[in-house]
Amino acid sequence: MQEFVIYQDILQKGRQQEALALIKCEQLQKLTKKSAANVR
């Protein structure tokens, strides 16, 4: 039973990292759009 709890914890941490990566990706896209607009 304890192994299952550890597995869930790893899954949650993995999802958090995934979510953070997505957020960073979105922020980078916004930044590149802004800088592209500034170049024009």
PDB file of N, CA and C in Angstrom:
ATOM      1  N   MET A   1       0.837  -1.208   0.000  1.00  0.00           N
ATOM      2  CA  MET A   1       0.000   0.000   0.000  1.00  0.00           C
ATOM      3  C   MET A   1       0.872   1.258   0.000  1.00  0.00           C
ATOM      4  N   GLN A   2       1.965   1.240   0.751  1.00  0.00           N
ATOM      5  CA  GLN A   2       2.836   2.413   0.829  1.00  0.00           C
ATOM      6  C   GLN A   2       3.465   2.704  -0.536  1.00  0.00           C
ATOM      7  N   GLU A   3       3.769   1.646  -1.287  1.00  0.00           N
ATOM      8  CA  GLU A   3       4.356   1.824  -2.613  1.00  0.00           C
ATOM      9  C   GLU A   3       3.416   2.620  -3.506  1.00  0.00           C
ATOM     10  N   PHE A   4       2.124   2.368  -3.362  1.00  0.00           N
ATOM     11  CA  PHE A   4       1.124   3.073  -4.162  1.00  0.00           C
ATOM     12  C   PHE A   4       1.132   4.565  -3.846  1.00  0.00           C
ATOM     13  N   VAL A   5       1.259   4.888  -2.550  1.00  0.00           N
ATOM     14  CA  VAL A   5       1.295   6.290  -2.116  1.00  0.00           C
ATOM     15  C   VAL A   5       2.517   6.986  -2.710  1.00  0.00           C
ATOM     16  N   ILE A   6       3.659   6.312  -2.666  1.00  0.00           N
ATOM     17  CA  ILE A   6       4.894   6.879  -3.227  1.00  0.00           C
ATOM     18  C   ILE A   6       4.709   7.099  -4.729  1.00  0.00           C
ATOM     19  N   TYR A   7       4.083   6.114  -5.395  1.00  0.00           N
ATOM     20  CA  TYR A   7       3.850   6.212  -6.833  1.00  0.00           C
ATOM     21  C   TYR A   7       2.976   7.422  -7.154  1.00  0.00           C
ATOM     22  N   GLN A   8       1.926   7.626  -6.372  1.00  0.00           N
ATOM     23  CA  GLN A   8       1.034   8.780  -6.562  1.00  0.00           C
ATOM     24  C   GLN A   8       1.798  10.084  -6.393  1.00  0.00           C
ATOM     25  N   ASP A   9       2.673  10.124  -5.397  1.00  0.00           N
ATOM     26  CA  ASP A   9       3.468  11.320  -5.106  1.00  0.00           C
ATOM     27  C   ASP A   9       4.368  11.649  -6.295  1.00  0.00           C
ATOM     28  N   ILE A  10       5.004  10.614  -6.849  1.00  0.00           N
ATOM     29  CA  ILE A  10       5.873  10.809  -8.014  1.00  0.00           C
ATOM     30  C   ILE A  10       5.047  11.334  -9.189  1.00  0.00           C
ATOM     31  N   LEU A  11       3.861  10.754  -9.379  1.00  0.00           N
ATOM     32  CA  LEU A  11       2.986  11.193 -10.466  1.00  0.00           C
ATOM     33  C   LEU A  11       2.620  12.661 -10.309  1.00  0.00           C
ATOM     34  N   GLN A  12       2.249  13.052  -9.105  1.00  0.00           N
ATOM     35  CA  GLN A  12       1.856  14.438  -8.849  1.00  0.00           C
ATOM     36  C   GLN A  12       3.017  15.384  -9.108  1.00  0.00           C
ATOM     37  N   LYS A  13       4.209  15.010  -8.658  1.00  0.00           N
ATOM     38  CA  LYS A  13       5.393  15.844  -8.878  1.00  0.00           C
ATOM     39  C   LYS A  13       5.673  15.956 -10.370  1.00  0.00           C
ATOM     40  N   GLY A  14       5.510  14.843 -11.078  1.00  0.00           N
ATOM     41  CA  GLY A  14       5.724  14.840 -12.522  1.00  0.00           C
ATOM     42  C   GLY A  14       4.750  15.774 -13.216  1.00  0.00           C
ATOM     43  N   ARG A  15       3.495  15.747 -12.790  1.00  0.00           N
ATOM     44  CA  ARG A  15       2.479  16.622 -13.388  1.00  0.00           C
ATOM     45  C   ARG A  15       2.783  18.081 -13.093  1.00  0.00           C
ATOM     46  N   GLN A  16       3.266  18.354 -11.876  1.00  0.00           N
ATOM     47  CA  GLN A  16       3.620  19.729 -11.509  1.00  0.00           C
ATOM     48  C   GLN A  16       4.726  20.235 -12.422  1.00  0.00           C
ATOM     49  N   GLN A  17       5.737  19.392 -12.649  1.00  0.00           N
ATOM     50  CA  GLN A  17       6.849  19.778 -13.515  1.00  0.00           C
ATOM     51  C   GLN A  17       6.350  20.002 -14.937  1.00  0.00           C
ATOM     52  N   GLU A  18       5.435  19.132 -15.385  1.00  0.00           N
ATOM     53  CA  GLU A  18       4.859  19.270 -16.722  1.00  0.00           C
ATOM     54  C   GLU A  18       4.121  20.597 -16.843  1.00  0.00           C
ATOM     55  N   ALA A  19       3.319  20.902 -15.829  1.00  0.00           N
ATOM     56  CA  ALA A  19       2.548  22.149 -15.818  1.00  0.00           C
ATOM     57  C   ALA A  19       3.482  23.347 -15.834  1.00  0.00           C
ATOM     58  N   LEU A  20       4.539  23.295 -15.031  1.00  0.00           N
ATOM     59  CA  LEU A  20       5.513  24.392 -14.995  1.00  0.00           C
ATOM     60  C   LEU A  20       6.186  24.552 -16.352  1.00  0.00           C
ATOM     61  N   ALA A  21       6.518  23.437 -16.984  1.00  0.00           N
ATOM     62  CA  ALA A  21       7.157  23.489 -18.299  1.00  0.00           C
ATOM     63  C   ALA A  21       6.222  24.141 -19.316  1.00  0.00           C
ATOM     64  N   LEU A  22       4.927  23.799 -19.244  1.00  0.00           N
ATOM     65  CA  LEU A  22       3.943  24.388 -20.154  1.00  0.00           C
ATOM     66  C   LEU A  22       3.827  25.888 -19.928  1.00  0.00           C
ATOM     67  N   ILE A  23       3.793  26.293 -18.664  1.00  0.00           N
ATOM     68  CA  ILE A  23       3.688  27.715 -18.323  1.00  0.00           C
ATOM     69  C   ILE A  23       4.906  28.461 -18.862  1.00  0.00           C
ATOM     70  N   LYS A  24       6.095  27.898 -18.656  1.00  0.00           N
ATOM     71  CA  LYS A  24       7.322  28.530 -19.146  1.00  0.00           C
ATOM     72  C   LYS A  24       7.280  28.642 -20.664  1.00  0.00           C
ATOM     73  N   CYS A  25       6.782  27.597 -21.314  1.00  0.00           N
ATOM     74  CA  CYS A  25       6.677  27.574 -22.771  1.00  0.00           C
ATOM     75  C   CYS A  25       5.761  28.707 -23.245  1.00  0.00           C
ATOM     76  N   GLU A  26       4.612  28.852 -22.600  1.00  0.00           N
ATOM     77  CA  GLU A  26       3.657  29.904 -22.961  1.00  0.00           C
ATOM     78  C   GLU A  26       4.272  31.282 -22.758  1.00  0.00           C
ATOM     79  N   GLN A  27       4.979  31.456 -21.643  1.00  0.00           N
ATOM     80  CA  GLN A  27       5.616  32.743 -21.357  1.00  0.00           C
ATOM     81  C   GLN A  27       6.664  33.057 -22.414  1.00  0.00           C
ATOM     82  N   LEU A  28       7.423  32.054 -22.825  1.00  0.00           N
ATOM     83  CA  LEU A  28       8.449  32.250 -23.853  1.00  0.00           C
ATOM     84  C   LEU A  28       7.806  32.642 -25.176  1.00  0.00           C
ATOM     85  N   GLN A  29       6.689  31.990 -25.517  1.00  0.00           N
ATOM     86  CA  GLN A  29       5.990  32.312 -26.758  1.00  0.00           C
ATOM     87  C   GLN A  29       5.500  33.754 -26.734  1.00  0.00           C
ATOM     88  N   LYS A  30       4.967  34.187 -25.589  1.00  0.00           N
ATOM     89  CA  LYS A  30       4.494  35.568 -25.451  1.00  0.00           C
ATOM     90  C   LYS A  30       5.656  36.538 -25.609  1.00  0.00           C
ATOM     91  N   LEU A  31       6.791  36.195 -25.003  1.00  0.00           N
ATOM     92  CA  LEU A  31       7.977  37.054 -25.085  1.00  0.00           C
ATOM     93  C   LEU A  31       8.470  37.154 -26.524  1.00  0.00           C
ATOM     94  N   THR A  32       8.511  36.032 -27.225  1.00  0.00           N
ATOM     95  CA  THR A  32       8.999  36.054 -28.606  1.00  0.00           C
ATOM     96  C   THR A  32       8.038  36.827 -29.494  1.00  0.00           C
ATOM     97  N   LYS A  33       6.740  36.728 -29.220  1.00  0.00           N
ATOM     98  CA  LYS A  33       5.756  37.501 -29.990  1.00  0.00           C
ATOM     99  C   LYS A  33       5.962  38.993 -29.754  1.00  0.00           C
ATOM    100  N   LYS A  34       6.212  39.365 -28.493  1.00  0.00           N
ATOM    101  CA  LYS A  34       6.434  40.773 -28.149  1.00  0.00           C
ATOM    102  C   LYS A  34       7.690  41.290 -28.839  1.00  0.00           C
ATOM    103  N   SER A  35       8.777  40.529 -28.772  1.00  0.00           N
ATOM    104  CA  SER A  35      10.033  40.978 -29.368  1.00  0.00           C
ATOM    105  C   SER A  35       9.909  41.017 -30.891  1.00  0.00           C
ATOM    106  N   ALA A  36       9.146  40.093 -31.460  1.00  0.00           N
ATOM    107  CA  ALA A  36       8.927  40.094 -32.905  1.00  0.00           C
ATOM    108  C   ALA A  36       8.145  41.338 -33.312  1.00  0.00           C
ATOM    109  N   ALA A  37       7.185  41.725 -32.487  1.00  0.00           N
ATOM    110  CA  ALA A  37       6.398  42.930 -32.756  1.00  0.00           C
ATOM    111  C   ALA A  37       7.283  44.166 -32.638  1.00  0.00           C
ATOM    112  N   ASN A  38       8.216  44.142 -31.699  1.00  0.00           N
ATOM    113  CA  ASN A  38       9.118  45.277 -31.504  1.00  0.00           C
ATOM    114  C   ASN A  38      10.076  45.431 -32.681  1.00  0.00           C
ATOM    115  N   VAL A  39      10.479  44.321 -33.280  1.00  0.00           N
ATOM    116  CA  VAL A  39      11.414  44.366 -34.411  1.00  0.00           C
ATOM    117  C   VAL A  39      10.758  45.065 -35.592  1.00  0.00           C
ATOM    118  N   ARG A  40       9.479  44.792 -35.815  1.00  0.00           N
ATOM    119  CA  ARG A  40       8.747  45.434 -36.904  1.00  0.00           C
ATOM    120  C   ARG A  40       8.580  46.894 -36.550  1.00  0.00           C
TER     121      ARG A  40
END
